[in-house]
Amino acid sequence: MKINTIFKPLLAVIVLLLVSISSFGQDAPRPPQSPKVTVTGTFGKANVSVVYSSPSVKGRKIWGELVPYGKVWRAGANSATIIETDADVNIAGNTLAKGKYSIYMLPSEGDWQVIFNTEVGQWGIKRGGETTRNPEKDAFTITVKTAKSDFKEALEYKVVPTGIAFGWENVSLLIPIK
């Protein structure tokens, strides 16, 4: 009789512990802070895709602060942004041969540089905050004009008839592709 009066409450505690442990951590998964996005389009016979992680402004000043002027940037969050083409394309008078490339940008208060680098798959920054770009692996660099644009909370690349449009916070630019 004494065993039964001790055993029932102990069993109830064990069952409650097991239920709480099994339900722990089963909250709905949270979306990533900077979700991975792929955009695709066709230029002539070439299928082109851009894969990037899209950070949000979240009340921060982006250009000149979070992304400093005069420092090469991975053109997105997390790993370096990737452009892939299944045929050669012309980008601002340069031939981007069929393949995969990392895209880096050098923001400034005026025109920006967009860098196409043959090394892919690397994380976008090192521990000290500098980019993982190896300049010896650059295919070519183009200079593009930026424009002030309407506010855009999340970084975005879009395929448009004349190339790849980029926009974030209050800046937009076009990477011209033929």
N, C-alpha and C. Protein backbone atom coordinates (compact mmCIF):
# COMPACT_ATOMS: atom_id res chain seq x y z
N MET A 1 0.80 -1.18 0.00
CA MET A 1 0.00 0.00 0.00
C MET A 1 0.85 1.26 0.00
N LYS A 2 1.90 1.26 0.87
CA LYS A 2 2.78 2.42 0.91
C LYS A 2 3.50 2.60 -0.42
N ILE A 3 3.88 1.52 -1.06
CA ILE A 3 4.58 1.59 -2.34
C ILE A 3 3.67 2.24 -3.38
N ASN A 4 2.41 1.89 -3.40
CA ASN A 4 1.47 2.43 -4.36
C ASN A 4 1.29 3.94 -4.17
N THR A 5 1.25 4.44 -2.93
CA THR A 5 1.07 5.87 -2.68
C THR A 5 2.32 6.65 -3.05
N ILE A 6 3.48 6.04 -2.98
CA ILE A 6 4.72 6.70 -3.38
C ILE A 6 4.90 6.57 -4.90
N PHE A 7 4.54 5.44 -5.43
CA PHE A 7 4.78 5.15 -6.85
C PHE A 7 3.94 6.01 -7.78
N LYS A 8 2.67 6.25 -7.46
CA LYS A 8 1.78 7.02 -8.33
C LYS A 8 2.28 8.47 -8.52
N PRO A 9 2.59 9.20 -7.45
CA PRO A 9 3.10 10.58 -7.67
C PRO A 9 4.44 10.59 -8.42
N LEU A 10 5.30 9.62 -8.12
CA LEU A 10 6.59 9.54 -8.81
C LEU A 10 6.38 9.26 -10.30
N LEU A 11 5.48 8.39 -10.63
CA LEU A 11 5.16 8.08 -12.02
C LEU A 11 4.59 9.33 -12.72
N ALA A 12 3.74 10.06 -12.03
CA ALA A 12 3.16 11.28 -12.61
C ALA A 12 4.26 12.30 -12.91
N VAL A 13 5.23 12.47 -12.02
CA VAL A 13 6.34 13.40 -12.23
C VAL A 13 7.19 12.95 -13.42
N ILE A 14 7.46 11.67 -13.53
CA ILE A 14 8.26 11.15 -14.65
C ILE A 14 7.55 11.39 -15.97
N VAL A 15 6.25 11.13 -16.02
CA VAL A 15 5.47 11.34 -17.24
C VAL A 15 5.48 12.83 -17.61
N LEU A 16 5.28 13.72 -16.64
CA LEU A 16 5.33 15.15 -16.93
C LEU A 16 6.69 15.58 -17.45
N LEU A 17 7.75 15.05 -16.86
CA LEU A 17 9.10 15.38 -17.35
C LEU A 17 9.30 14.92 -18.79
N LEU A 18 8.88 13.71 -19.08
CA LEU A 18 9.05 13.18 -20.44
C LEU A 18 8.25 13.99 -21.46
N VAL A 19 7.04 14.38 -21.10
CA VAL A 19 6.21 15.18 -22.01
C VAL A 19 6.85 16.54 -22.24
N SER A 20 7.32 17.17 -21.17
CA SER A 20 7.92 18.50 -21.33
C SER A 20 9.24 18.42 -22.10
N ILE A 21 10.04 17.39 -21.90
CA ILE A 21 11.29 17.23 -22.65
C ILE A 21 11.01 16.97 -24.12
N SER A 22 10.02 16.13 -24.40
CA SER A 22 9.74 15.81 -25.81
C SER A 22 9.14 16.99 -26.55
N SER A 23 8.44 17.88 -25.85
CA SER A 23 7.86 19.03 -26.55
C SER A 23 8.83 20.22 -26.58
N PHE A 24 9.89 20.17 -25.78
CA PHE A 24 10.88 21.24 -25.76
C PHE A 24 11.57 21.35 -27.11
N GLY A 25 11.68 22.56 -27.62
CA GLY A 25 12.38 22.75 -28.90
C GLY A 25 11.53 22.45 -30.12
N GLN A 26 10.23 22.22 -29.93
CA GLN A 26 9.39 21.92 -31.07
C GLN A 26 8.57 23.13 -31.51
N ASP A 27 9.08 24.33 -31.17
CA ASP A 27 8.42 25.54 -31.65
C ASP A 27 8.53 25.56 -33.16
N ALA A 28 7.69 26.35 -33.77
CA ALA A 28 7.75 26.48 -35.23
C ALA A 28 9.13 27.00 -35.63
N PRO A 29 9.71 26.45 -36.68
CA PRO A 29 11.03 26.91 -37.09
C PRO A 29 10.98 28.38 -37.51
N ARG A 30 12.02 29.09 -37.13
CA ARG A 30 12.10 30.50 -37.49
C ARG A 30 12.74 30.64 -38.86
N PRO A 31 12.26 31.58 -39.65
CA PRO A 31 12.91 31.80 -40.95
C PRO A 31 14.33 32.34 -40.72
N PRO A 32 15.26 32.05 -41.62
CA PRO A 32 16.62 32.55 -41.44
C PRO A 32 16.65 34.08 -41.47
N GLN A 33 17.62 34.65 -40.77
CA GLN A 33 17.77 36.11 -40.73
C GLN A 33 17.97 36.69 -42.12
N SER A 34 18.77 36.00 -42.93
CA SER A 34 19.05 36.44 -44.31
C SER A 34 18.77 35.26 -45.24
N PRO A 35 17.52 35.09 -45.66
CA PRO A 35 17.15 33.91 -46.44
C PRO A 35 17.91 33.83 -47.77
N LYS A 36 18.18 32.60 -48.17
CA LYS A 36 18.83 32.34 -49.45
C LYS A 36 17.80 32.47 -50.56
N VAL A 37 18.19 33.19 -51.62
CA VAL A 37 17.29 33.46 -52.73
C VAL A 37 18.00 33.13 -54.04
N THR A 38 17.26 32.59 -55.01
CA THR A 38 17.79 32.36 -56.35
C THR A 38 16.88 33.06 -57.34
N VAL A 39 17.49 33.85 -58.24
CA VAL A 39 16.74 34.46 -59.33
C VAL A 39 17.36 33.96 -60.63
N THR A 40 16.51 33.76 -61.64
CA THR A 40 17.00 33.24 -62.91
C THR A 40 16.40 34.03 -64.06
N GLY A 41 17.11 33.99 -65.19
CA GLY A 41 16.62 34.64 -66.39
C GLY A 41 17.40 34.17 -67.59
N THR A 42 16.96 34.59 -68.76
CA THR A 42 17.61 34.20 -70.01
C THR A 42 18.05 35.45 -70.76
N PHE A 43 19.28 35.40 -71.25
CA PHE A 43 19.85 36.46 -72.08
C PHE A 43 20.36 35.79 -73.35
N GLY A 44 19.64 35.99 -74.44
CA GLY A 44 19.97 35.26 -75.66
C GLY A 44 19.77 33.77 -75.41
N LYS A 45 20.82 32.98 -75.62
CA LYS A 45 20.74 31.53 -75.38
C LYS A 45 21.24 31.15 -73.99
N ALA A 46 21.66 32.13 -73.21
CA ALA A 46 22.25 31.85 -71.89
C ALA A 46 21.20 31.92 -70.78
N ASN A 47 21.18 30.88 -69.96
CA ASN A 47 20.39 30.88 -68.73
C ASN A 47 21.31 31.36 -67.62
N VAL A 48 20.89 32.39 -66.94
CA VAL A 48 21.72 33.00 -65.90
C VAL A 48 20.97 32.93 -64.57
N SER A 49 21.69 32.58 -63.50
CA SER A 49 21.09 32.59 -62.16
C SER A 49 22.01 33.33 -61.20
N VAL A 50 21.38 33.95 -60.22
CA VAL A 50 22.11 34.60 -59.14
C VAL A 50 21.59 34.00 -57.84
N VAL A 51 22.52 33.52 -57.00
CA VAL A 51 22.17 32.94 -55.70
C VAL A 51 22.81 33.81 -54.63
N TYR A 52 21.98 34.30 -53.71
CA TYR A 52 22.47 35.22 -52.68
C TYR A 52 21.65 35.05 -51.41
N SER A 53 22.19 35.55 -50.30
CA SER A 53 21.44 35.62 -49.06
C SER A 53 21.01 37.06 -48.88
N SER A 54 19.73 37.25 -48.56
CA SER A 54 19.11 38.57 -48.56
C SER A 54 18.94 39.13 -47.15
N PRO A 55 19.86 39.98 -46.71
CA PRO A 55 19.69 40.61 -45.39
C PRO A 55 18.65 41.72 -45.44
N SER A 56 18.19 42.14 -44.29
CA SER A 56 17.23 43.24 -44.19
C SER A 56 17.86 44.43 -43.49
N VAL A 57 17.31 45.59 -43.74
CA VAL A 57 17.83 46.82 -43.16
C VAL A 57 17.67 46.82 -41.63
N LYS A 58 16.50 46.48 -41.14
CA LYS A 58 16.20 46.42 -39.71
C LYS A 58 16.59 47.70 -38.97
N GLY A 59 16.31 48.85 -39.57
CA GLY A 59 16.58 50.12 -38.91
C GLY A 59 18.02 50.60 -38.97
N ARG A 60 18.89 49.84 -39.61
CA ARG A 60 20.31 50.21 -39.68
C ARG A 60 20.58 51.10 -40.88
N LYS A 61 21.65 51.88 -40.82
CA LYS A 61 22.13 52.61 -41.98
C LYS A 61 23.07 51.66 -42.71
N ILE A 62 22.77 51.35 -43.96
CA ILE A 62 23.53 50.34 -44.69
C ILE A 62 24.78 50.93 -45.33
N TRP A 63 24.59 51.83 -46.27
CA TRP A 63 25.72 52.31 -47.10
C TRP A 63 26.57 53.31 -46.35
N GLY A 64 27.85 52.98 -46.26
CA GLY A 64 28.80 53.83 -45.55
C GLY A 64 28.95 53.47 -44.09
N GLU A 65 28.07 52.60 -43.57
CA GLU A 65 28.16 52.17 -42.17
C GLU A 65 28.23 50.65 -42.08
N LEU A 66 27.06 49.96 -42.17
CA LEU A 66 27.10 48.50 -42.11
C LEU A 66 27.96 47.95 -43.25
N VAL A 67 27.77 48.49 -44.45
CA VAL A 67 28.62 48.17 -45.60
C VAL A 67 29.45 49.42 -45.87
N PRO A 68 30.72 49.41 -45.45
CA PRO A 68 31.54 50.62 -45.58
C PRO A 68 31.88 50.95 -47.04
N TYR A 69 31.99 52.23 -47.30
CA TYR A 69 32.49 52.67 -48.61
C TYR A 69 33.98 52.34 -48.70
N GLY A 70 34.42 52.01 -49.91
CA GLY A 70 35.84 51.78 -50.14
C GLY A 70 36.35 50.42 -49.71
N LYS A 71 35.47 49.51 -49.27
CA LYS A 71 35.86 48.15 -48.90
C LYS A 71 35.07 47.16 -49.73
N VAL A 72 35.75 46.15 -50.26
CA VAL A 72 35.07 45.13 -51.06
C VAL A 72 34.07 44.40 -50.18
N TRP A 73 32.88 44.18 -50.74
CA TRP A 73 31.76 43.58 -50.02
C TRP A 73 31.27 42.34 -50.78
N ARG A 74 30.78 41.35 -50.10
CA ARG A 74 30.37 40.07 -50.69
C ARG A 74 29.05 40.14 -51.47
N ALA A 75 28.45 41.30 -51.56
CA ALA A 75 27.25 41.56 -52.37
C ALA A 75 26.02 40.80 -51.88
N GLY A 76 25.94 40.57 -50.60
CA GLY A 76 24.83 39.88 -49.95
C GLY A 76 25.26 39.52 -48.54
N ALA A 77 24.55 38.60 -47.92
CA ALA A 77 24.91 38.13 -46.58
C ALA A 77 25.48 36.72 -46.67
N ASN A 78 26.07 36.28 -45.58
CA ASN A 78 26.59 34.92 -45.45
C ASN A 78 27.67 34.63 -46.49
N SER A 79 27.49 33.62 -47.34
CA SER A 79 28.51 33.30 -48.33
C SER A 79 28.47 34.31 -49.47
N ALA A 80 29.55 34.37 -50.24
CA ALA A 80 29.62 35.32 -51.35
C ALA A 80 28.51 35.02 -52.35
N THR A 81 27.96 36.07 -52.94
CA THR A 81 26.91 35.94 -53.95
C THR A 81 27.48 35.25 -55.18
N ILE A 82 26.68 34.36 -55.80
CA ILE A 82 27.13 33.56 -56.94
C ILE A 82 26.29 33.91 -58.18
N ILE A 83 26.97 34.06 -59.31
CA ILE A 83 26.29 34.15 -60.60
C ILE A 83 26.74 32.96 -61.42
N GLU A 84 25.79 32.32 -62.10
CA GLU A 84 26.11 31.17 -62.94
C GLU A 84 25.44 31.35 -64.30
N THR A 85 26.17 31.01 -65.35
CA THR A 85 25.63 31.06 -66.70
C THR A 85 25.99 29.78 -67.44
N ASP A 86 25.05 29.28 -68.26
CA ASP A 86 25.31 28.05 -69.01
C ASP A 86 25.83 28.32 -70.42
N ALA A 87 26.10 29.60 -70.71
CA ALA A 87 26.70 30.00 -71.99
C ALA A 87 27.41 31.34 -71.76
N ASP A 88 28.33 31.67 -72.62
CA ASP A 88 29.02 32.95 -72.49
C ASP A 88 28.02 34.10 -72.60
N VAL A 89 28.24 35.15 -71.78
CA VAL A 89 27.43 36.36 -71.86
C VAL A 89 28.35 37.57 -71.89
N ASN A 90 27.82 38.68 -72.39
CA ASN A 90 28.57 39.92 -72.43
C ASN A 90 28.08 40.81 -71.30
N ILE A 91 29.01 41.20 -70.42
CA ILE A 91 28.69 42.09 -69.31
C ILE A 91 29.53 43.35 -69.46
N ALA A 92 28.87 44.43 -69.86
CA ALA A 92 29.54 45.74 -70.02
C ALA A 92 30.79 45.62 -70.89
N GLY A 93 30.68 44.87 -72.00
CA GLY A 93 31.80 44.75 -72.93
C GLY A 93 32.81 43.67 -72.59
N ASN A 94 32.60 42.94 -71.51
CA ASN A 94 33.48 41.84 -71.08
C ASN A 94 32.76 40.52 -71.28
N THR A 95 33.50 39.50 -71.68
CA THR A 95 32.90 38.17 -71.82
C THR A 95 33.00 37.43 -70.50
N LEU A 96 31.84 37.06 -69.97
CA LEU A 96 31.79 36.18 -68.81
C LEU A 96 31.53 34.79 -69.37
N ALA A 97 32.57 33.95 -69.32
CA ALA A 97 32.48 32.61 -69.90
C ALA A 97 31.52 31.75 -69.08
N LYS A 98 30.94 30.78 -69.76
CA LYS A 98 30.06 29.80 -69.12
C LYS A 98 30.72 29.32 -67.83
N GLY A 99 29.94 29.29 -66.73
CA GLY A 99 30.47 28.81 -65.45
C GLY A 99 29.87 29.55 -64.27
N LYS A 100 30.50 29.35 -63.10
CA LYS A 100 30.08 29.97 -61.85
C LYS A 100 31.13 30.97 -61.40
N TYR A 101 30.66 32.08 -60.85
CA TYR A 101 31.54 33.14 -60.36
C TYR A 101 30.97 33.74 -59.09
N SER A 102 31.84 34.24 -58.24
CA SER A 102 31.40 35.04 -57.10
C SER A 102 31.28 36.48 -57.56
N ILE A 103 30.29 37.17 -57.04
CA ILE A 103 30.14 38.61 -57.30
C ILE A 103 30.52 39.34 -56.01
N TYR A 104 31.41 40.30 -56.16
CA TYR A 104 31.75 41.22 -55.08
C TYR A 104 31.46 42.62 -55.57
N MET A 105 31.25 43.54 -54.65
CA MET A 105 31.04 44.94 -55.02
C MET A 105 31.94 45.81 -54.17
N LEU A 106 32.33 46.94 -54.75
CA LEU A 106 33.10 47.95 -54.04
C LEU A 106 32.23 49.21 -54.01
N PRO A 107 31.44 49.37 -52.94
CA PRO A 107 30.56 50.53 -52.84
C PRO A 107 31.35 51.82 -52.61
N SER A 108 30.80 52.90 -53.10
CA SER A 108 31.36 54.23 -52.85
C SER A 108 30.22 55.23 -52.88
N GLU A 109 30.53 56.48 -52.64
CA GLU A 109 29.48 57.50 -52.69
C GLU A 109 29.14 57.87 -54.12
N GLY A 110 29.94 57.40 -55.09
CA GLY A 110 29.68 57.64 -56.51
C GLY A 110 29.43 56.32 -57.22
N ASP A 111 30.14 56.11 -58.34
CA ASP A 111 30.03 54.85 -59.08
C ASP A 111 30.60 53.70 -58.26
N TRP A 112 30.03 52.52 -58.45
CA TRP A 112 30.52 51.32 -57.76
C TRP A 112 31.25 50.42 -58.74
N GLN A 113 32.09 49.56 -58.19
CA GLN A 113 32.70 48.51 -58.99
C GLN A 113 32.02 47.19 -58.65
N VAL A 114 31.77 46.39 -59.69
CA VAL A 114 31.23 45.04 -59.53
C VAL A 114 32.32 44.11 -60.03
N ILE A 115 32.71 43.16 -59.18
CA ILE A 115 33.84 42.28 -59.45
C ILE A 115 33.33 40.86 -59.66
N PHE A 116 33.76 40.24 -60.75
CA PHE A 116 33.41 38.84 -61.05
C PHE A 116 34.66 38.02 -60.78
N ASN A 117 34.56 37.09 -59.83
CA ASN A 117 35.71 36.34 -59.34
C ASN A 117 35.48 34.85 -59.59
N THR A 118 36.51 34.16 -60.06
CA THR A 118 36.38 32.75 -60.45
C THR A 118 36.32 31.79 -59.27
N GLU A 119 36.62 32.24 -58.08
CA GLU A 119 36.56 31.37 -56.90
C GLU A 119 35.15 31.40 -56.32
N VAL A 120 34.56 30.24 -56.10
CA VAL A 120 33.20 30.17 -55.56
C VAL A 120 33.14 29.24 -54.35
N GLY A 121 32.09 29.41 -53.56
CA GLY A 121 31.84 28.51 -52.44
C GLY A 121 32.43 28.97 -51.12
N GLN A 122 33.12 30.09 -51.11
CA GLN A 122 33.72 30.56 -49.87
C GLN A 122 32.72 31.39 -49.06
N TRP A 123 32.94 31.40 -47.75
CA TRP A 123 32.16 32.27 -46.88
C TRP A 123 32.52 33.69 -47.27
N GLY A 124 31.64 34.62 -47.11
CA GLY A 124 31.83 35.97 -47.63
C GLY A 124 32.84 36.83 -46.91
N ILE A 125 33.06 36.59 -45.60
CA ILE A 125 34.01 37.42 -44.88
C ILE A 125 34.89 36.58 -43.97
N LYS A 126 36.05 37.15 -43.62
CA LYS A 126 36.97 36.51 -42.68
C LYS A 126 36.65 37.03 -41.28
N ARG A 127 37.34 36.47 -40.29
CA ARG A 127 37.09 36.87 -38.90
C ARG A 127 37.26 38.37 -38.66
N GLY A 128 38.20 39.00 -39.31
CA GLY A 128 38.45 40.41 -39.12
C GLY A 128 37.45 41.31 -39.83
N GLY A 129 36.54 40.72 -40.62
CA GLY A 129 35.52 41.50 -41.32
C GLY A 129 35.84 41.76 -42.78
N GLU A 130 37.09 41.52 -43.19
CA GLU A 130 37.42 41.73 -44.61
C GLU A 130 36.88 40.58 -45.45
N THR A 131 36.66 40.85 -46.71
CA THR A 131 36.09 39.86 -47.61
C THR A 131 37.07 38.71 -47.89
N THR A 132 36.52 37.60 -48.32
CA THR A 132 37.33 36.43 -48.67
C THR A 132 37.83 36.49 -50.11
N ARG A 133 37.52 37.54 -50.81
CA ARG A 133 37.91 37.67 -52.22
C ARG A 133 39.42 37.59 -52.38
N ASN A 134 39.85 36.77 -53.34
CA ASN A 134 41.25 36.69 -53.73
C ASN A 134 41.36 37.45 -55.06
N PRO A 135 41.96 38.65 -55.07
CA PRO A 135 42.01 39.47 -56.29
C PRO A 135 42.70 38.76 -57.48
N GLU A 136 43.57 37.81 -57.19
CA GLU A 136 44.24 37.07 -58.27
C GLU A 136 43.25 36.20 -59.05
N LYS A 137 42.09 35.95 -58.48
CA LYS A 137 41.07 35.11 -59.13
C LYS A 137 40.00 35.94 -59.84
N ASP A 138 40.17 37.27 -59.90
CA ASP A 138 39.19 38.12 -60.57
C ASP A 138 39.17 37.84 -62.07
N ALA A 139 37.99 37.65 -62.62
CA ALA A 139 37.84 37.51 -64.08
C ALA A 139 37.88 38.91 -64.69
N PHE A 140 37.09 39.83 -64.14
CA PHE A 140 37.11 41.24 -64.55
C PHE A 140 36.27 42.05 -63.58
N THR A 141 36.42 43.37 -63.70
CA THR A 141 35.67 44.32 -62.88
C THR A 141 35.01 45.32 -63.80
N ILE A 142 33.76 45.67 -63.48
CA ILE A 142 33.08 46.72 -64.24
C ILE A 142 32.73 47.86 -63.29
N THR A 143 32.53 49.02 -63.85
CA THR A 143 32.07 50.17 -63.08
C THR A 143 30.63 50.45 -63.46
N VAL A 144 29.78 50.61 -62.45
CA VAL A 144 28.36 50.86 -62.70
C VAL A 144 27.93 52.11 -61.96
N LYS A 145 26.95 52.77 -62.51
CA LYS A 145 26.35 53.94 -61.87
C LYS A 145 25.27 53.45 -60.90
N THR A 146 25.22 54.10 -59.77
CA THR A 146 24.15 53.80 -58.81
C THR A 146 23.10 54.90 -58.91
N ALA A 147 21.94 54.61 -58.39
CA ALA A 147 20.87 55.60 -58.36
C ALA A 147 20.21 55.54 -56.98
N LYS A 148 19.70 56.66 -56.54
CA LYS A 148 18.87 56.67 -55.34
C LYS A 148 17.55 56.03 -55.72
N SER A 149 17.02 55.23 -54.82
CA SER A 149 15.77 54.54 -55.13
C SER A 149 14.84 54.60 -53.94
N ASP A 150 13.62 54.16 -54.15
CA ASP A 150 12.69 54.02 -53.05
C ASP A 150 13.26 53.02 -52.06
N PHE A 151 12.90 53.16 -50.80
CA PHE A 151 13.40 52.29 -49.74
C PHE A 151 13.05 50.83 -50.03
N LYS A 152 14.03 49.97 -49.88
CA LYS A 152 13.84 48.53 -50.03
C LYS A 152 14.41 47.86 -48.78
N GLU A 153 13.54 47.25 -47.97
CA GLU A 153 13.95 46.64 -46.70
C GLU A 153 14.92 45.48 -46.91
N ALA A 154 14.60 44.57 -47.82
CA ALA A 154 15.44 43.39 -48.04
C ALA A 154 16.26 43.54 -49.32
N LEU A 155 17.52 43.14 -49.26
CA LEU A 155 18.38 43.16 -50.44
C LEU A 155 17.75 42.31 -51.53
N GLU A 156 17.80 42.81 -52.77
CA GLU A 156 17.14 42.09 -53.86
C GLU A 156 17.92 42.20 -55.16
N TYR A 157 18.05 41.07 -55.84
CA TYR A 157 18.52 41.02 -57.22
C TYR A 157 17.30 40.63 -58.06
N LYS A 158 17.17 41.23 -59.23
CA LYS A 158 16.07 40.88 -60.14
C LYS A 158 16.64 40.78 -61.55
N VAL A 159 16.13 39.81 -62.31
CA VAL A 159 16.49 39.71 -63.71
C VAL A 159 15.53 40.61 -64.48
N VAL A 160 16.11 41.53 -65.24
CA VAL A 160 15.33 42.45 -66.08
C VAL A 160 15.85 42.30 -67.51
N PRO A 161 15.14 42.78 -68.50
CA PRO A 161 15.57 42.56 -69.89
C PRO A 161 16.99 43.05 -70.21
N THR A 162 17.48 44.04 -69.47
CA THR A 162 18.80 44.59 -69.77
C THR A 162 19.91 44.08 -68.86
N GLY A 163 19.59 43.20 -67.91
CA GLY A 163 20.62 42.66 -67.03
C GLY A 163 20.09 42.23 -65.68
N ILE A 164 20.94 42.39 -64.68
CA ILE A 164 20.59 42.04 -63.31
C ILE A 164 20.48 43.34 -62.52
N ALA A 165 19.30 43.61 -61.99
CA ALA A 165 19.06 44.80 -61.18
C ALA A 165 19.31 44.45 -59.71
N PHE A 166 19.94 45.36 -59.01
CA PHE A 166 20.26 45.20 -57.60
C PHE A 166 19.65 46.38 -56.84
N GLY A 167 19.06 46.11 -55.68
CA GLY A 167 18.54 47.18 -54.85
C GLY A 167 18.53 46.81 -53.39
N TRP A 168 18.88 47.79 -52.55
CA TRP A 168 18.80 47.60 -51.11
C TRP A 168 18.86 48.96 -50.44
N GLU A 169 18.11 49.11 -49.39
CA GLU A 169 17.95 50.36 -48.66
C GLU A 169 17.51 51.42 -49.66
N ASN A 170 18.36 52.37 -50.01
CA ASN A 170 17.96 53.43 -50.93
C ASN A 170 18.87 53.51 -52.16
N VAL A 171 19.54 52.40 -52.50
CA VAL A 171 20.47 52.36 -53.64
C VAL A 171 20.05 51.27 -54.61
N SER A 172 20.16 51.58 -55.90
CA SER A 172 19.93 50.57 -56.94
C SER A 172 21.02 50.71 -57.98
N LEU A 173 21.26 49.61 -58.70
CA LEU A 173 22.22 49.61 -59.80
C LEU A 173 21.83 48.50 -60.78
N LEU A 174 22.44 48.55 -61.96
CA LEU A 174 22.17 47.54 -62.99
C LEU A 174 23.50 46.95 -63.45
N ILE A 175 23.56 45.63 -63.47
CA ILE A 175 24.69 44.91 -64.09
C ILE A 175 24.20 44.57 -65.49
N PRO A 176 24.72 45.28 -66.52
CA PRO A 176 24.19 45.09 -67.87
C PRO A 176 24.66 43.77 -68.49
N ILE A 177 23.72 43.00 -69.03
CA ILE A 177 24.05 41.70 -69.65
C ILE A 177 23.42 41.64 -71.02
N LYS A 178 24.23 41.16 -71.99
CA LYS A 178 23.74 40.91 -73.35
C LYS A 178 23.97 39.46 -73.69
